[in-house]
């Protein structure tokens, strides 16, 4: 969906559970709830997590729209 210098945010279809997105880096991955913006599972380095969460905070509506479109 979007990419920073060392991270990307993805929303996938055919997912289960609460609406969420994934922050992926070269070395790690975590899953974050769209509504709460809290890490559900996984771990990403603090700088990358902070950058991706800043982006996600400003784009929560887009993330939820994408989740709903892919996970009917």
PDB file of N, CA and C in Angstrom:
ATOM      1  N   UNK A   1       0.826  -1.196   0.000  1.00  0.00           N
ATOM      2  CA  UNK A   1       0.000   0.000   0.000  1.00  0.00           C
ATOM      3  C   UNK A   1       0.865   1.252   0.000  1.00  0.00           C
ATOM      4  N   UNK A   2       1.755   1.371   0.961  1.00  0.00           N
ATOM      5  CA  UNK A   2       2.658   2.524   0.976  1.00  0.00           C
ATOM      6  C   UNK A   2       4.025   2.078   1.450  1.00  0.00           C
ATOM      7  N   UNK A   3       5.008   2.879   1.121  1.00  0.00           N
ATOM      8  CA  UNK A   3       6.381   2.496   1.435  1.00  0.00           C
ATOM      9  C   UNK A   3       7.151   3.702   1.944  1.00  0.00           C
ATOM     10  N   UNK A   4       7.875   3.460   3.048  1.00  0.00           N
ATOM     11  CA  UNK A   4       8.815   4.451   3.539  1.00  0.00           C
ATOM     12  C   UNK A   4      10.192   4.050   3.056  1.00  0.00           C
ATOM     13  N   UNK A   5      11.215   4.651   3.597  1.00  0.00           N
ATOM     14  CA  UNK A   5      12.582   4.328   3.183  1.00  0.00           C
ATOM     15  C   UNK A   5      12.941   2.876   3.485  1.00  0.00           C
ATOM     16  N   UNK A   6      12.545   2.375   4.653  1.00  0.00           N
ATOM     17  CA  UNK A   6      12.939   1.013   5.044  1.00  0.00           C
ATOM     18  C   UNK A   6      11.765   0.175   5.509  1.00  0.00           C
ATOM     19  N   UNK A   7      10.532   0.627   5.254  1.00  0.00           N
ATOM     20  CA  UNK A   7       9.348  -0.113   5.694  1.00  0.00           C
ATOM     21  C   UNK A   7       8.243   0.031   4.655  1.00  0.00           C
ATOM     22  N   UNK A   8       7.267  -0.880   4.746  1.00  0.00           N
ATOM     23  CA  UNK A   8       6.062  -0.737   3.935  1.00  0.00           C
ATOM     24  C   UNK A   8       4.868  -1.161   4.767  1.00  0.00           C
ATOM     25  N   UNK A   9       3.720  -0.602   4.439  1.00  0.00           N
ATOM     26  CA  UNK A   9       2.461  -0.954   5.089  1.00  0.00           C
ATOM     27  C   UNK A   9       1.614  -1.671   4.056  1.00  0.00           C
ATOM     28  N   UNK A  10       1.051  -2.815   4.469  1.00  0.00           N
ATOM     29  CA  UNK A  10       0.209  -3.601   3.574  1.00  0.00           C
ATOM     30  C   UNK A  10      -1.085  -3.977   4.265  1.00  0.00           C
ATOM     31  N   UNK A  11      -2.156  -4.027   3.472  1.00  0.00           N
ATOM     32  CA  UNK A  11      -3.435  -4.568   3.902  1.00  0.00           C
ATOM     33  C   UNK A  11      -3.736  -5.706   2.938  1.00  0.00           C
ATOM     34  N   UNK A  12      -4.049  -6.878   3.472  1.00  0.00           N
ATOM     35  CA  UNK A  12      -4.292  -8.056   2.647  1.00  0.00           C
ATOM     36  C   UNK A  12      -5.752  -8.474   2.696  1.00  0.00           C
ATOM     37  N   UNK A  13      -6.191  -9.168   1.651  1.00  0.00           N
ATOM     38  CA  UNK A  13      -7.528  -9.731   1.604  1.00  0.00           C
ATOM     39  C   UNK A  13      -7.551 -11.114   2.224  1.00  0.00           C
ATOM     40  N   UNK A  14      -8.767 -11.605   2.475  1.00  0.00           N
ATOM     41  CA  UNK A  14      -8.989 -12.928   3.067  1.00  0.00           C
ATOM     42  C   UNK A  14      -8.320 -13.045   4.439  1.00  0.00           C
ATOM     43  N   UNK A  15      -8.315 -11.957   5.176  1.00  0.00           N
ATOM     44  CA  UNK A  15      -7.738 -11.945   6.520  1.00  0.00           C
ATOM     45  C   UNK A  15      -8.840 -12.214   7.539  1.00  0.00           C
ATOM     46  N   UNK A  16      -8.450 -12.491   8.749  1.00  0.00           N
ATOM     47  CA  UNK A  16      -9.397 -12.742   9.828  1.00  0.00           C
ATOM     48  C   UNK A  16      -9.094 -11.797  10.990  1.00  0.00           C
ATOM     49  N   UNK A  17      -9.991 -11.770  11.953  1.00  0.00           N
ATOM     50  CA  UNK A  17      -9.774 -10.952  13.142  1.00  0.00           C
ATOM     51  C   UNK A  17     -10.200  -9.517  12.922  1.00  0.00           C
ATOM     52  N   UNK A  18      -9.741  -8.658  13.818  1.00  0.00           N
ATOM     53  CA  UNK A  18     -10.106  -7.253  13.738  1.00  0.00           C
ATOM     54  C   UNK A  18      -9.417  -6.604  12.538  1.00  0.00           C
ATOM     55  N   UNK A  19      -9.952  -5.486  12.040  1.00  0.00           N
ATOM     56  CA  UNK A  19      -9.281  -4.781  10.938  1.00  0.00           C
ATOM     57  C   UNK A  19      -7.847  -4.418  11.332  1.00  0.00           C
ATOM     58  N   UNK A  20      -6.909  -4.775  10.474  1.00  0.00           N
ATOM     59  CA  UNK A  20      -5.496  -4.557  10.793  1.00  0.00           C
ATOM     60  C   UNK A  20      -4.682  -4.386   9.518  1.00  0.00           C
ATOM     61  N   UNK A  21      -3.461  -3.926   9.709  1.00  0.00           N
ATOM     62  CA  UNK A  21      -2.500  -3.814   8.615  1.00  0.00           C
ATOM     63  C   UNK A  21      -1.171  -4.370   9.094  1.00  0.00           C
ATOM     64  N   UNK A  22      -0.261  -4.534   8.159  1.00  0.00           N
ATOM     65  CA  UNK A  22       1.054  -5.088   8.464  1.00  0.00           C
ATOM     66  C   UNK A  22       2.126  -4.051   8.156  1.00  0.00           C
ATOM     67  N   UNK A  23       3.065  -3.909   9.079  1.00  0.00           N
ATOM     68  CA  UNK A  23       4.264  -3.121   8.824  1.00  0.00           C
ATOM     69  C   UNK A  23       5.369  -4.129   8.563  1.00  0.00           C
ATOM     70  N   UNK A  24       6.002  -4.020   7.417  1.00  0.00           N
ATOM     71  CA  UNK A  24       7.034  -4.975   7.024  1.00  0.00           C
ATOM     72  C   UNK A  24       8.344  -4.237   6.740  1.00  0.00           C
ATOM     73  N   UNK A  25       9.418  -4.789   7.266  1.00  0.00           N
ATOM     74  CA  UNK A  25      10.756  -4.270   6.989  1.00  0.00           C
ATOM     75  C   UNK A  25      11.570  -5.399   6.379  1.00  0.00           C
ATOM     76  N   UNK A  26      12.818  -5.136   6.104  1.00  0.00           N
ATOM     77  CA  UNK A  26      13.685  -6.191   5.554  1.00  0.00           C
ATOM     78  C   UNK A  26      13.871  -7.335   6.543  1.00  0.00           C
ATOM     79  N   UNK A  27      13.815  -7.020   7.831  1.00  0.00           N
ATOM     80  CA  UNK A  27      14.139  -8.023   8.859  1.00  0.00           C
ATOM     81  C   UNK A  27      12.975  -8.443   9.742  1.00  0.00           C
ATOM     82  N   UNK A  28      11.867  -7.706   9.711  1.00  0.00           N
ATOM     83  CA  UNK A  28      10.811  -8.006  10.669  1.00  0.00           C
ATOM     84  C   UNK A  28       9.450  -7.579  10.151  1.00  0.00           C
ATOM     85  N   UNK A  29       8.436  -7.937  10.928  1.00  0.00           N
ATOM     86  CA  UNK A  29       7.060  -7.652  10.552  1.00  0.00           C
ATOM     87  C   UNK A  29       6.210  -7.592  11.808  1.00  0.00           C
ATOM     88  N   UNK A  30       5.200  -6.723  11.792  1.00  0.00           N
ATOM     89  CA  UNK A  30       4.231  -6.719  12.875  1.00  0.00           C
ATOM     90  C   UNK A  30       2.851  -6.430  12.310  1.00  0.00           C
ATOM     91  N   UNK A  31       1.847  -6.762  13.095  1.00  0.00           N
ATOM     92  CA  UNK A  31       0.455  -6.530  12.744  1.00  0.00           C
ATOM     93  C   UNK A  31      -0.095  -5.491  13.703  1.00  0.00           C
ATOM     94  N   UNK A  32      -0.820  -4.503  13.157  1.00  0.00           N
ATOM     95  CA  UNK A  32      -1.306  -3.371  13.945  1.00  0.00           C
ATOM     96  C   UNK A  32      -2.808  -3.204  13.718  1.00  0.00           C
ATOM     97  N   UNK A  33      -3.566  -3.032  14.786  1.00  0.00           N
ATOM     98  CA  UNK A  33      -4.993  -2.773  14.680  1.00  0.00           C
ATOM     99  C   UNK A  33      -5.235  -1.394  14.084  1.00  0.00           C
ATOM    100  N   UNK A  34      -6.145  -1.317  13.122  1.00  0.00           N
ATOM    101  CA  UNK A  34      -6.407  -0.038  12.465  1.00  0.00           C
ATOM    102  C   UNK A  34      -7.054   0.957  13.425  1.00  0.00           C
ATOM    103  N   UNK A  35      -8.036   0.516  14.193  1.00  0.00           N
ATOM    104  CA  UNK A  35      -8.743   1.443  15.083  1.00  0.00           C
ATOM    105  C   UNK A  35      -7.870   1.892  16.262  1.00  0.00           C
ATOM    106  N   UNK A  36      -7.147   0.962  16.863  1.00  0.00           N
ATOM    107  CA  UNK A  36      -6.378   1.273  18.070  1.00  0.00           C
ATOM    108  C   UNK A  36      -4.965   1.769  17.779  1.00  0.00           C
ATOM    109  N   UNK A  37      -4.438   1.445  16.603  1.00  0.00           N
ATOM    110  CA  UNK A  37      -3.039   1.697  16.252  1.00  0.00           C
ATOM    111  C   UNK A  37      -2.100   1.100  17.296  1.00  0.00           C
ATOM    112  N   UNK A  38      -2.450  -0.074  17.780  1.00  0.00           N
ATOM    113  CA  UNK A  38      -1.606  -0.813  18.719  1.00  0.00           C
ATOM    114  C   UNK A  38      -1.114  -2.079  18.043  1.00  0.00           C
ATOM    115  N   UNK A  39       0.147  -2.435  18.322  1.00  0.00           N
ATOM    116  CA  UNK A  39       0.719  -3.652  17.772  1.00  0.00           C
ATOM    117  C   UNK A  39      -0.005  -4.850  18.379  1.00  0.00           C
ATOM    118  N   UNK A  40      -0.487  -5.740  17.518  1.00  0.00           N
ATOM    119  CA  UNK A  40      -1.182  -6.951  17.942  1.00  0.00           C
ATOM    120  C   UNK A  40      -0.183  -8.077  18.135  1.00  0.00           C
ATOM    121  N   UNK A  41       0.692  -8.213  17.166  1.00  0.00           N
ATOM    122  CA  UNK A  41       1.693  -9.284  17.220  1.00  0.00           C
ATOM    123  C   UNK A  41       2.887  -8.865  16.367  1.00  0.00           C
ATOM    124  N   UNK A  42       4.046  -9.349  16.743  1.00  0.00           N
ATOM    125  CA  UNK A  42       5.254  -9.068  15.985  1.00  0.00           C
ATOM    126  C   UNK A  42       6.027  -7.904  16.567  1.00  0.00           C
ATOM    127  N   UNK A  43       7.099  -7.570  15.881  1.00  0.00           N
ATOM    128  CA  UNK A  43       7.998  -6.533  16.376  1.00  0.00           C
ATOM    129  C   UNK A  43       8.750  -5.905  15.215  1.00  0.00           C
ATOM    130  N   UNK A  44       8.862  -4.591  15.252  1.00  0.00           N
ATOM    131  CA  UNK A  44       9.611  -3.831  14.255  1.00  0.00           C
ATOM    132  C   UNK A  44      10.485  -2.841  15.014  1.00  0.00           C
ATOM    133  N   UNK A  45      11.665  -2.561  14.491  1.00  0.00           N
ATOM    134  CA  UNK A  45      12.582  -1.611  15.141  1.00  0.00           C
ATOM    135  C   UNK A  45      11.870  -0.295  15.424  1.00  0.00           C
ATOM    136  N   UNK A  46      12.223   0.338  16.525  1.00  0.00           N
ATOM    137  CA  UNK A  46      11.484   1.510  17.010  1.00  0.00           C
ATOM    138  C   UNK A  46      11.432   2.658  16.009  1.00  0.00           C
ATOM    139  N   UNK A  47      12.498   2.963  15.324  1.00  0.00           N
ATOM    140  CA  UNK A  47      12.485   4.067  14.361  1.00  0.00           C
ATOM    141  C   UNK A  47      11.522   3.775  13.216  1.00  0.00           C
ATOM    142  N   UNK A  48      11.594   2.562  12.679  1.00  0.00           N
ATOM    143  CA  UNK A  48      10.709   2.182  11.585  1.00  0.00           C
ATOM    144  C   UNK A  48       9.253   2.127  12.052  1.00  0.00           C
ATOM    145  N   UNK A  49       9.041   1.611  13.250  1.00  0.00           N
ATOM    146  CA  UNK A  49       7.689   1.557  13.799  1.00  0.00           C
ATOM    147  C   UNK A  49       7.129   2.970  13.954  1.00  0.00           C
ATOM    148  N   UNK A  50       7.895   3.868  14.485  1.00  0.00           N
ATOM    149  CA  UNK A  50       7.454   5.251  14.692  1.00  0.00           C
ATOM    150  C   UNK A  50       7.104   5.921  13.356  1.00  0.00           C
ATOM    151  N   UNK A  51       7.953   5.758  12.355  1.00  0.00           N
ATOM    152  CA  UNK A  51       7.693   6.359  11.043  1.00  0.00           C
ATOM    153  C   UNK A  51       6.422   5.793  10.418  1.00  0.00           C
ATOM    154  N   UNK A  52       6.281   4.472  10.450  1.00  0.00           N
ATOM    155  CA  UNK A  52       5.108   3.832   9.851  1.00  0.00           C
ATOM    156  C   UNK A  52       3.835   4.196  10.607  1.00  0.00           C
ATOM    157  N   UNK A  53       3.909   4.254  11.929  1.00  0.00           N
ATOM    158  CA  UNK A  53       2.734   4.611  12.725  1.00  0.00           C
ATOM    159  C   UNK A  53       2.342   6.066  12.498  1.00  0.00           C
ATOM    160  N   UNK A  54       3.298   6.947  12.310  1.00  0.00           N
ATOM    161  CA  UNK A  54       2.983   8.344  11.992  1.00  0.00           C
ATOM    162  C   UNK A  54       2.189   8.404  10.683  1.00  0.00           C
ATOM    163  N   UNK A  55       2.633   7.632   9.689  1.00  0.00           N
ATOM    164  CA  UNK A  55       1.912   7.591   8.421  1.00  0.00           C
ATOM    165  C   UNK A  55       0.517   7.012   8.638  1.00  0.00           C
ATOM    166  N   UNK A  56       0.440   5.896   9.344  1.00  0.00           N
ATOM    167  CA  UNK A  56      -0.844   5.217   9.564  1.00  0.00           C
ATOM    168  C   UNK A  56      -1.833   6.116  10.310  1.00  0.00           C
ATOM    169  N   UNK A  57      -1.366   6.847  11.283  1.00  0.00           N
ATOM    170  CA  UNK A  57      -2.227   7.753  12.058  1.00  0.00           C
ATOM    171  C   UNK A  57      -2.899   8.769  11.128  1.00  0.00           C
ATOM    172  N   UNK A  58      -2.151   9.265  10.157  1.00  0.00           N
ATOM    173  CA  UNK A  58      -2.684  10.246   9.223  1.00  0.00           C
ATOM    174  C   UNK A  58      -3.555   9.629   8.127  1.00  0.00           C
ATOM    175  N   UNK A  59      -3.538   8.286   8.021  1.00  0.00           N
ATOM    176  CA  UNK A  59      -4.247   7.606   6.933  1.00  0.00           C
ATOM    177  C   UNK A  59      -5.152   6.480   7.435  1.00  0.00           C
ATOM    178  N   UNK A  60      -5.630   6.585   8.670  1.00  0.00           N
ATOM    179  CA  UNK A  60      -6.483   5.525   9.235  1.00  0.00           C
ATOM    180  C   UNK A  60      -7.726   5.280   8.383  1.00  0.00           C
ATOM    181  N   UNK A  61      -8.374   6.323   7.920  1.00  0.00           N
ATOM    182  CA  UNK A  61      -9.588   6.154   7.117  1.00  0.00           C
ATOM    183  C   UNK A  61      -9.286   5.378   5.834  1.00  0.00           C
ATOM    184  N   UNK A  62      -8.159   5.683   5.191  1.00  0.00           N
ATOM    185  CA  UNK A  62      -7.751   4.959   3.980  1.00  0.00           C
ATOM    186  C   UNK A  62      -7.498   3.486   4.280  1.00  0.00           C
ATOM    187  N   UNK A  63      -6.804   3.223   5.379  1.00  0.00           N
ATOM    188  CA  UNK A  63      -6.507   1.847   5.765  1.00  0.00           C
ATOM    189  C   UNK A  63      -7.791   1.064   6.012  1.00  0.00           C
ATOM    190  N   UNK A  64      -8.746   1.671   6.714  1.00  0.00           N
ATOM    191  CA  UNK A  64     -10.004   0.992   6.991  1.00  0.00           C
ATOM    192  C   UNK A  64     -10.800   0.763   5.706  1.00  0.00           C
ATOM    193  N   UNK A  65     -10.792   1.742   4.833  1.00  0.00           N
ATOM    194  CA  UNK A  65     -11.481   1.584   3.546  1.00  0.00           C
ATOM    195  C   UNK A  65     -10.882   0.426   2.754  1.00  0.00           C
ATOM    196  N   UNK A  66      -9.566   0.343   2.714  1.00  0.00           N
ATOM    197  CA  UNK A  66      -8.884  -0.739   2.016  1.00  0.00           C
ATOM    198  C   UNK A  66      -9.191  -2.085   2.657  1.00  0.00           C
ATOM    199  N   UNK A  67      -9.169  -2.151   3.992  1.00  0.00           N
ATOM    200  CA  UNK A  67      -9.494  -3.379   4.713  1.00  0.00           C
ATOM    201  C   UNK A  67     -10.906  -3.847   4.332  1.00  0.00           C
ATOM    202  N   UNK A  68     -11.867  -2.923   4.401  1.00  0.00           N
ATOM    203  CA  UNK A  68     -13.262  -3.275   4.102  1.00  0.00           C
ATOM    204  C   UNK A  68     -13.441  -3.724   2.653  1.00  0.00           C
ATOM    205  N   UNK A  69     -12.720  -3.120   1.729  1.00  0.00           N
ATOM    206  CA  UNK A  69     -12.816  -3.509   0.324  1.00  0.00           C
ATOM    207  C   UNK A  69     -12.249  -4.915   0.089  1.00  0.00           C
ATOM    208  N   UNK A  70     -11.201  -5.259   0.816  1.00  0.00           N
ATOM    209  CA  UNK A  70     -10.541  -6.559   0.615  1.00  0.00           C
ATOM    210  C   UNK A  70     -11.095  -7.673   1.495  1.00  0.00           C
ATOM    211  N   UNK A  71     -11.807  -7.325   2.546  1.00  0.00           N
ATOM    212  CA  UNK A  71     -12.279  -8.323   3.520  1.00  0.00           C
ATOM    213  C   UNK A  71     -13.770  -8.146   3.777  1.00  0.00           C
ATOM    214  N   UNK A  72     -14.566  -8.465   2.802  1.00  0.00           N
ATOM    215  CA  UNK A  72     -16.027  -8.311   2.910  1.00  0.00           C
ATOM    216  C   UNK A  72     -16.633  -9.399   3.748  1.00  0.00           C
TER     217      UNK A  72
END
